[in-house]
Amino acid sequence: MNDLRAERLQVMLSPDELAAVDDFRFKHRMPTRAAAVRELLKFGLTAAGVDAKAGVKSSDFGVFGRGPEGHTSSDPDNGSED
């Protein structure tokens, strides 16, 4: 686990919101709900104009742990093209 993740954030979601997070998670083959939420937060912050360090991959944040290339369309474990 990343040592920088020392804070816990608890969020209450409606059944529809939770289903949306789970749908995103499974569509993008993410390992956990927490990883999906972190990725969605990154997308939201970027959309809001917060500098999310352009060019940084999810694997750099510890979301996927697939090495320096992260998930790519040529990833044999991925099974689908993005």
PDB file of N, CA and C in Angstrom:
ATOM      1  N   MET A   1       0.834  -1.190   0.000  1.00  0.00           N
ATOM      2  CA  MET A   1       0.000   0.000   0.000  1.00  0.00           C
ATOM      3  C   MET A   1       0.866   1.236   0.000  1.00  0.00           C
ATOM      4  N   ASN A   2       0.407   2.267  -0.671  1.00  0.00           N
ATOM      5  CA  ASN A   2       1.141   3.510  -0.762  1.00  0.00           C
ATOM      6  C   ASN A   2       1.148   4.210   0.594  1.00  0.00           C
ATOM      7  N   ASP A   3       2.349   4.547   1.087  1.00  0.00           N
ATOM      8  CA  ASP A   3       2.471   5.194   2.390  1.00  0.00           C
ATOM      9  C   ASP A   3       1.844   6.576   2.413  1.00  0.00           C
ATOM     10  N   LEU A   4       1.650   7.199   1.253  1.00  0.00           N
ATOM     11  CA  LEU A   4       1.083   8.533   1.201  1.00  0.00           C
ATOM     12  C   LEU A   4      -0.427   8.525   1.429  1.00  0.00           C
ATOM     13  N   ARG A   5      -1.043   7.382   1.442  1.00  0.00           N
ATOM     14  CA  ARG A   5      -2.487   7.284   1.647  1.00  0.00           C
ATOM     15  C   ARG A   5      -2.785   7.076   3.125  1.00  0.00           C
ATOM     16  N   ALA A   6      -2.545   8.110   3.905  1.00  0.00           N
ATOM     17  CA  ALA A   6      -2.724   8.003   5.343  1.00  0.00           C
ATOM     18  C   ALA A   6      -4.104   8.472   5.788  1.00  0.00           C
ATOM     19  N   GLU A   7      -4.865   9.083   4.906  1.00  0.00           N
ATOM     20  CA  GLU A   7      -6.183   9.606   5.259  1.00  0.00           C
ATOM     21  C   GLU A   7      -7.279   8.723   4.692  1.00  0.00           C
ATOM     22  N   ARG A   8      -8.282   8.491   5.480  1.00  0.00           N
ATOM     23  CA  ARG A   8      -9.449   7.706   5.062  1.00  0.00           C
ATOM     24  C   ARG A   8     -10.582   8.681   4.786  1.00  0.00           C
ATOM     25  N   LEU A   9     -11.302   8.455   3.699  1.00  0.00           N
ATOM     26  CA  LEU A   9     -12.450   9.271   3.334  1.00  0.00           C
ATOM     27  C   LEU A   9     -13.657   8.354   3.209  1.00  0.00           C
ATOM     28  N   GLN A  10     -14.653   8.594   4.026  1.00  0.00           N
ATOM     29  CA  GLN A  10     -15.863   7.780   3.970  1.00  0.00           C
ATOM     30  C   GLN A  10     -16.923   8.562   3.213  1.00  0.00           C
ATOM     31  N   VAL A  11     -17.568   7.905   2.244  1.00  0.00           N
ATOM     32  CA  VAL A  11     -18.581   8.548   1.425  1.00  0.00           C
ATOM     33  C   VAL A  11     -19.812   7.656   1.389  1.00  0.00           C
ATOM     34  N   MET A  12     -20.953   8.243   1.595  1.00  0.00           N
ATOM     35  CA  MET A  12     -22.208   7.517   1.504  1.00  0.00           C
ATOM     36  C   MET A  12     -22.757   7.717   0.090  1.00  0.00           C
ATOM     37  N   LEU A  13     -23.137   6.613  -0.572  1.00  0.00           N
ATOM     38  CA  LEU A  13     -23.646   6.667  -1.934  1.00  0.00           C
ATOM     39  C   LEU A  13     -25.031   6.041  -2.006  1.00  0.00           C
ATOM     40  N   SER A  14     -25.824   6.554  -2.943  1.00  0.00           N
ATOM     41  CA  SER A  14     -27.111   5.926  -3.212  1.00  0.00           C
ATOM     42  C   SER A  14     -26.856   4.631  -3.982  1.00  0.00           C
ATOM     43  N   PRO A  15     -27.823   3.748  -4.055  1.00  0.00           N
ATOM     44  CA  PRO A  15     -27.645   2.525  -4.846  1.00  0.00           C
ATOM     45  C   PRO A  15     -27.291   2.825  -6.312  1.00  0.00           C
ATOM     46  N   ASP A  16     -27.889   3.855  -6.892  1.00  0.00           N
ATOM     47  CA  ASP A  16     -27.576   4.213  -8.284  1.00  0.00           C
ATOM     48  C   ASP A  16     -26.149   4.728  -8.433  1.00  0.00           C
ATOM     49  N   GLU A  17     -25.691   5.531  -7.466  1.00  0.00           N
ATOM     50  CA  GLU A  17     -24.312   6.032  -7.512  1.00  0.00           C
ATOM     51  C   GLU A  17     -23.311   4.891  -7.367  1.00  0.00           C
ATOM     52  N   LEU A  18     -23.597   3.971  -6.453  1.00  0.00           N
ATOM     53  CA  LEU A  18     -22.710   2.830  -6.262  1.00  0.00           C
ATOM     54  C   LEU A  18     -22.668   1.954  -7.512  1.00  0.00           C
ATOM     55  N   ALA A  19     -23.821   1.765  -8.144  1.00  0.00           N
ATOM     56  CA  ALA A  19     -23.871   0.987  -9.388  1.00  0.00           C
ATOM     57  C   ALA A  19     -23.036   1.662 -10.473  1.00  0.00           C
ATOM     58  N   ALA A  20     -23.066   2.990 -10.540  1.00  0.00           N
ATOM     59  CA  ALA A  20     -22.275   3.716 -11.539  1.00  0.00           C
ATOM     60  C   ALA A  20     -20.778   3.523 -11.279  1.00  0.00           C
ATOM     61  N   VAL A  21     -20.364   3.579 -10.008  1.00  0.00           N
ATOM     62  CA  VAL A  21     -18.952   3.350  -9.664  1.00  0.00           C
ATOM     63  C   VAL A  21     -18.553   1.928 -10.030  1.00  0.00           C
ATOM     64  N   ASP A  22     -19.387   0.959  -9.678  1.00  0.00           N
ATOM     65  CA  ASP A  22     -19.074  -0.436  -9.988  1.00  0.00           C
ATOM     66  C   ASP A  22     -19.040  -0.686 -11.496  1.00  0.00           C
ATOM     67  N   ASP A  23     -19.963  -0.083 -12.233  1.00  0.00           N
ATOM     68  CA  ASP A  23     -19.953  -0.227 -13.697  1.00  0.00           C
ATOM     69  C   ASP A  23     -18.655   0.315 -14.280  1.00  0.00           C
ATOM     70  N   PHE A  24     -18.224   1.498 -13.804  1.00  0.00           N
ATOM     71  CA  PHE A  24     -16.965   2.089 -14.250  1.00  0.00           C
ATOM     72  C   PHE A  24     -15.804   1.153 -13.895  1.00  0.00           C
ATOM     73  N   ARG A  25     -15.816   0.664 -12.670  1.00  0.00           N
ATOM     74  CA  ARG A  25     -14.743  -0.223 -12.204  1.00  0.00           C
ATOM     75  C   ARG A  25     -14.605  -1.459 -13.090  1.00  0.00           C
ATOM     76  N   PHE A  26     -15.714  -2.137 -13.346  1.00  0.00           N
ATOM     77  CA  PHE A  26     -15.647  -3.376 -14.116  1.00  0.00           C
ATOM     78  C   PHE A  26     -15.342  -3.112 -15.585  1.00  0.00           C
ATOM     79  N   LYS A  27     -15.886  -2.042 -16.136  1.00  0.00           N
ATOM     80  CA  LYS A  27     -15.619  -1.699 -17.537  1.00  0.00           C
ATOM     81  C   LYS A  27     -14.130  -1.440 -17.755  1.00  0.00           C
ATOM     82  N   HIS A  28     -13.489  -0.823 -16.758  1.00  0.00           N
ATOM     83  CA  HIS A  28     -12.070  -0.473 -16.880  1.00  0.00           C
ATOM     84  C   HIS A  28     -11.159  -1.457 -16.154  1.00  0.00           C
ATOM     85  N   ARG A  29     -11.720  -2.587 -15.736  1.00  0.00           N
ATOM     86  CA  ARG A  29     -10.963  -3.673 -15.128  1.00  0.00           C
ATOM     87  C   ARG A  29     -10.097  -3.197 -13.959  1.00  0.00           C
ATOM     88  N   MET A  30     -10.709  -2.437 -13.079  1.00  0.00           N
ATOM     89  CA  MET A  30      -9.988  -1.899 -11.935  1.00  0.00           C
ATOM     90  C   MET A  30     -10.107  -2.872 -10.763  1.00  0.00           C
ATOM     91  N   PRO A  31      -9.078  -2.963  -9.943  1.00  0.00           N
ATOM     92  CA  PRO A  31      -9.044  -3.988  -8.900  1.00  0.00           C
ATOM     93  C   PRO A  31     -10.001  -3.761  -7.729  1.00  0.00           C
ATOM     94  N   THR A  32     -10.298  -2.505  -7.407  1.00  0.00           N
ATOM     95  CA  THR A  32     -11.124  -2.213  -6.232  1.00  0.00           C
ATOM     96  C   THR A  32     -12.018  -1.012  -6.491  1.00  0.00           C
ATOM     97  N   ARG A  33     -13.033  -0.870  -5.648  1.00  0.00           N
ATOM     98  CA  ARG A  33     -13.867   0.335  -5.708  1.00  0.00           C
ATOM     99  C   ARG A  33     -13.040   1.571  -5.393  1.00  0.00           C
ATOM    100  N   ALA A  34     -12.133   1.447  -4.433  1.00  0.00           N
ATOM    101  CA  ALA A  34     -11.294   2.588  -4.064  1.00  0.00           C
ATOM    102  C   ALA A  34     -10.466   3.065  -5.263  1.00  0.00           C
ATOM    103  N   ALA A  35      -9.922   2.127  -6.035  1.00  0.00           N
ATOM    104  CA  ALA A  35      -9.148   2.499  -7.227  1.00  0.00           C
ATOM    105  C   ALA A  35     -10.037   3.226  -8.224  1.00  0.00           C
ATOM    106  N   ALA A  36     -11.266   2.737  -8.396  1.00  0.00           N
ATOM    107  CA  ALA A  36     -12.201   3.379  -9.325  1.00  0.00           C
ATOM    108  C   ALA A  36     -12.537   4.788  -8.853  1.00  0.00           C
ATOM    109  N   VAL A  37     -12.777   4.952  -7.561  1.00  0.00           N
ATOM    110  CA  VAL A  37     -13.104   6.272  -7.029  1.00  0.00           C
ATOM    111  C   VAL A  37     -11.930   7.225  -7.199  1.00  0.00           C
ATOM    112  N   ARG A  38     -10.689   6.754  -6.936  1.00  0.00           N
ATOM    113  CA  ARG A  38      -9.513   7.608  -7.140  1.00  0.00           C
ATOM    114  C   ARG A  38      -9.407   8.044  -8.595  1.00  0.00           C
ATOM    115  N   GLU A  39      -9.653   7.125  -9.527  1.00  0.00           N
ATOM    116  CA  GLU A  39      -9.571   7.458 -10.957  1.00  0.00           C
ATOM    117  C   GLU A  39     -10.663   8.460 -11.335  1.00  0.00           C
ATOM    118  N   LEU A  40     -11.877   8.250 -10.834  1.00  0.00           N
ATOM    119  CA  LEU A  40     -12.967   9.186 -11.109  1.00  0.00           C
ATOM    120  C   LEU A  40     -12.684  10.561 -10.512  1.00  0.00           C
ATOM    121  N   LEU A  41     -12.094  10.599  -9.330  1.00  0.00           N
ATOM    122  CA  LEU A  41     -11.687  11.881  -8.736  1.00  0.00           C
ATOM    123  C   LEU A  41     -10.654  12.578  -9.615  1.00  0.00           C
ATOM    124  N   LYS A  42      -9.702  11.808 -10.119  1.00  0.00           N
ATOM    125  CA  LYS A  42      -8.680  12.393 -11.003  1.00  0.00           C
ATOM    126  C   LYS A  42      -9.333  12.995 -12.241  1.00  0.00           C
ATOM    127  N   PHE A  43     -10.282  12.250 -12.852  1.00  0.00           N
ATOM    128  CA  PHE A  43     -10.987  12.766 -14.025  1.00  0.00           C
ATOM    129  C   PHE A  43     -11.750  14.042 -13.686  1.00  0.00           C
ATOM    130  N   GLY A  44     -12.437  14.038 -12.549  1.00  0.00           N
ATOM    131  CA  GLY A  44     -13.215  15.201 -12.136  1.00  0.00           C
ATOM    132  C   GLY A  44     -12.348  16.413 -11.865  1.00  0.00           C
ATOM    133  N   LEU A  45     -11.226  16.207 -11.194  1.00  0.00           N
ATOM    134  CA  LEU A  45     -10.319  17.324 -10.925  1.00  0.00           C
ATOM    135  C   LEU A  45      -9.743  17.886 -12.212  1.00  0.00           C
ATOM    136  N   THR A  46      -9.430  17.023 -13.145  1.00  0.00           N
ATOM    137  CA  THR A  46      -8.917  17.474 -14.439  1.00  0.00           C
ATOM    138  C   THR A  46      -9.989  18.284 -15.169  1.00  0.00           C
ATOM    139  N   ALA A  47     -11.220  17.790 -15.165  1.00  0.00           N
ATOM    140  CA  ALA A  47     -12.319  18.491 -15.836  1.00  0.00           C
ATOM    141  C   ALA A  47     -12.582  19.846 -15.188  1.00  0.00           C
ATOM    142  N   ALA A  48     -12.337  19.948 -13.883  1.00  0.00           N
ATOM    143  CA  ALA A  48     -12.556  21.197 -13.167  1.00  0.00           C
ATOM    144  C   ALA A  48     -11.383  22.161 -13.332  1.00  0.00           C
ATOM    145  N   GLY A  49     -10.352  21.730 -14.055  1.00  0.00           N
ATOM    146  CA  GLY A  49      -9.215  22.603 -14.308  1.00  0.00           C
ATOM    147  C   GLY A  49      -8.111  22.518 -13.284  1.00  0.00           C
ATOM    148  N   VAL A  50      -8.187  21.547 -12.396  1.00  0.00           N
ATOM    149  CA  VAL A  50      -7.114  21.353 -11.425  1.00  0.00           C
ATOM    150  C   VAL A  50      -5.983  20.624 -12.133  1.00  0.00           C
ATOM    151  N   ASP A  51      -4.752  21.116 -12.001  1.00  0.00           N
ATOM    152  CA  ASP A  51      -3.620  20.507 -12.689  1.00  0.00           C
ATOM    153  C   ASP A  51      -3.374  19.110 -12.141  1.00  0.00           C
ATOM    154  N   ALA A  52      -3.701  18.112 -12.960  1.00  0.00           N
ATOM    155  CA  ALA A  52      -3.504  16.718 -12.560  1.00  0.00           C
ATOM    156  C   ALA A  52      -2.239  16.159 -13.190  1.00  0.00           C
ATOM    157  N   LYS A  53      -1.258  17.015 -13.424  1.00  0.00           N
ATOM    158  CA  LYS A  53       0.021  16.596 -13.992  1.00  0.00           C
ATOM    159  C   LYS A  53      -0.188  15.864 -15.304  1.00  0.00           C
ATOM    160  N   ALA A  54      -0.363  16.609 -16.364  1.00  0.00           N
ATOM    161  CA  ALA A  54      -0.605  16.036 -17.689  1.00  0.00           C
ATOM    162  C   ALA A  54       0.425  14.968 -18.009  1.00  0.00           C
ATOM    163  N   GLY A  55      -0.047  13.867 -18.566  1.00  0.00           N
ATOM    164  CA  GLY A  55       0.842  12.777 -18.952  1.00  0.00           C
ATOM    165  C   GLY A  55       1.062  11.745 -17.866  1.00  0.00           C
ATOM    166  N   VAL A  56       0.573  11.987 -16.672  1.00  0.00           N
ATOM    167  CA  VAL A  56       0.727  11.025 -15.583  1.00  0.00           C
ATOM    168  C   VAL A  56      -0.332   9.949 -15.743  1.00  0.00           C
ATOM    169  N   LYS A  57       0.094   8.700 -15.635  1.00  0.00           N
ATOM    170  CA  LYS A  57      -0.809   7.558 -15.792  1.00  0.00           C
ATOM    171  C   LYS A  57      -1.340   7.108 -14.450  1.00  0.00           C
ATOM    172  N   SER A  58      -2.446   6.371 -14.484  1.00  0.00           N
ATOM    173  CA  SER A  58      -3.020   5.832 -13.246  1.00  0.00           C
ATOM    174  C   SER A  58      -2.004   4.989 -12.492  1.00  0.00           C
ATOM    175  N   SER A  59      -1.172   4.254 -13.239  1.00  0.00           N
ATOM    176  CA  SER A  59      -0.181   3.407 -12.573  1.00  0.00           C
ATOM    177  C   SER A  59       0.803   4.229 -11.750  1.00  0.00           C
ATOM    178  N   ASP A  60       1.005   5.500 -12.137  1.00  0.00           N
ATOM    179  CA  ASP A  60       1.881   6.371 -11.364  1.00  0.00           C
ATOM    180  C   ASP A  60       1.258   6.726 -10.016  1.00  0.00           C
ATOM    181  N   PHE A  61      -0.066   6.631  -9.910  1.00  0.00           N
ATOM    182  CA  PHE A  61      -0.761   6.897  -8.658  1.00  0.00           C
ATOM    183  C   PHE A  61      -0.994   5.613  -7.872  1.00  0.00           C
ATOM    184  N   GLY A  62      -0.534   4.496  -8.363  1.00  0.00           N
ATOM    185  CA  GLY A  62      -0.696   3.233  -7.665  1.00  0.00           C
ATOM    186  C   GLY A  62      -2.051   2.591  -7.866  1.00  0.00           C
ATOM    187  N   VAL A  63      -2.800   3.043  -8.886  1.00  0.00           N
ATOM    188  CA  VAL A  63      -4.131   2.491  -9.097  1.00  0.00           C
ATOM    189  C   VAL A  63      -4.059   1.096  -9.702  1.00  0.00           C
ATOM    190  N   PHE A  64      -3.238   0.899 -10.718  1.00  0.00           N
ATOM    191  CA  PHE A  64      -3.196  -0.388 -11.387  1.00  0.00           C
ATOM    192  C   PHE A  64      -2.008  -1.258 -10.989  1.00  0.00           C
ATOM    193  N   GLY A  65      -0.864  -0.683 -10.771  1.00  0.00           N
ATOM    194  CA  GLY A  65       0.308  -1.473 -10.436  1.00  0.00           C
ATOM    195  C   GLY A  65       0.741  -2.398 -11.557  1.00  0.00           C
ATOM    196  N   ARG A  66       0.617  -1.952 -12.806  1.00  0.00           N
ATOM    197  CA  ARG A  66       0.987  -2.778 -13.962  1.00  0.00           C
ATOM    198  C   ARG A  66       2.352  -2.405 -14.511  1.00  0.00           C
ATOM    199  N   GLY A  67       3.123  -1.654 -13.787  1.00  0.00           N
ATOM    200  CA  GLY A  67       4.424  -1.258 -14.279  1.00  0.00           C
ATOM    201  C   GLY A  67       4.377   0.093 -14.956  1.00  0.00           C
ATOM    202  N   PRO A  68       5.481   0.512 -15.576  1.00  0.00           N
ATOM    203  CA  PRO A  68       5.569   1.864 -16.119  1.00  0.00           C
ATOM    204  C   PRO A  68       4.613   2.139 -17.268  1.00  0.00           C
ATOM    205  N   GLU A  69       4.159   1.118 -17.971  1.00  0.00           N
ATOM    206  CA  GLU A  69       3.258   1.338 -19.102  1.00  0.00           C
ATOM    207  C   GLU A  69       1.786   1.314 -18.711  1.00  0.00           C
ATOM    208  N   GLY A  70       1.445   0.868 -17.499  1.00  0.00           N
ATOM    209  CA  GLY A  70       0.050   0.788 -17.089  1.00  0.00           C
ATOM    210  C   GLY A  70      -0.737  -0.116 -18.007  1.00  0.00           C
ATOM    211  N   HIS A  71      -2.045   0.093 -18.102  1.00  0.00           N
ATOM    212  CA  HIS A  71      -2.903  -0.670 -19.016  1.00  0.00           C
ATOM    213  C   HIS A  71      -2.788  -0.065 -20.402  1.00  0.00           C
ATOM    214  N   THR A  72      -2.595  -0.899 -21.392  1.00  0.00           N
ATOM    215  CA  THR A  72      -2.570  -0.439 -22.777  1.00  0.00           C
ATOM    216  C   THR A  72      -3.457  -1.348 -23.608  1.00  0.00           C
ATOM    217  N   SER A  73      -3.808  -0.911 -24.814  1.00  0.00           N
ATOM    218  CA  SER A  73      -4.664  -1.734 -25.667  1.00  0.00           C
ATOM    219  C   SER A  73      -3.967  -3.008 -26.105  1.00  0.00           C
ATOM    220  N   SER A  74      -2.647  -3.051 -26.004  1.00  0.00           N
ATOM    221  CA  SER A  74      -1.914  -4.251 -26.379  1.00  0.00           C
ATOM    222  C   SER A  74      -1.647  -5.175 -25.196  1.00  0.00           C
ATOM    223  N   ASP A  75      -2.201  -4.830 -24.025  1.00  0.00           N
ATOM    224  CA  ASP A  75      -2.022  -5.626 -22.816  1.00  0.00           C
ATOM    225  C   ASP A  75      -2.773  -6.943 -22.982  1.00  0.00           C
ATOM    226  N   PRO A  76      -2.082  -8.103 -22.998  1.00  0.00           N
ATOM    227  CA  PRO A  76      -2.759  -9.381 -23.199  1.00  0.00           C
ATOM    228  C   PRO A  76      -3.723  -9.724 -22.078  1.00  0.00           C
ATOM    229  N   ASP A  77      -3.526  -9.195 -20.865  1.00  0.00           N
ATOM    230  CA  ASP A  77      -4.426  -9.473 -19.766  1.00  0.00           C
ATOM    231  C   ASP A  77      -5.692  -8.619 -19.835  1.00  0.00           C
ATOM    232  N   ASN A  78      -5.635  -7.536 -20.599  1.00  0.00           N
ATOM    233  CA  ASN A  78      -6.752  -6.611 -20.650  1.00  0.00           C
ATOM    234  C   ASN A  78      -7.927  -7.203 -21.407  1.00  0.00           C
ATOM    235  N   GLY A  79      -7.686  -7.825 -22.558  1.00  0.00           N
ATOM    236  CA  GLY A  79      -8.724  -8.500 -23.307  1.00  0.00           C
ATOM    237  C   GLY A  79      -9.596  -7.612 -24.147  1.00  0.00           C
ATOM    238  N   SER A  80      -9.430  -6.293 -24.049  1.00  0.00           N
ATOM    239  CA  SER A  80     -10.230  -5.385 -24.877  1.00  0.00           C
ATOM    240  C   SER A  80      -9.398  -4.166 -25.221  1.00  0.00           C
ATOM    241  N   GLU A  81      -9.793  -3.529 -26.289  1.00  0.00           N
ATOM    242  CA  GLU A  81      -9.112  -2.312 -26.674  1.00  0.00           C
ATOM    243  C   GLU A  81      -9.848  -1.136 -26.093  1.00  0.00           C
ATOM    244  N   ASP A  82      -9.093  -0.150 -25.600  1.00  0.00           N
ATOM    245  CA  ASP A  82      -9.696   1.035 -24.986  1.00  0.00           C
ATOM    246  C   ASP A  82     -10.286   1.835 -26.081  1.00  0.00           C
TER     247      ASP A  82
END
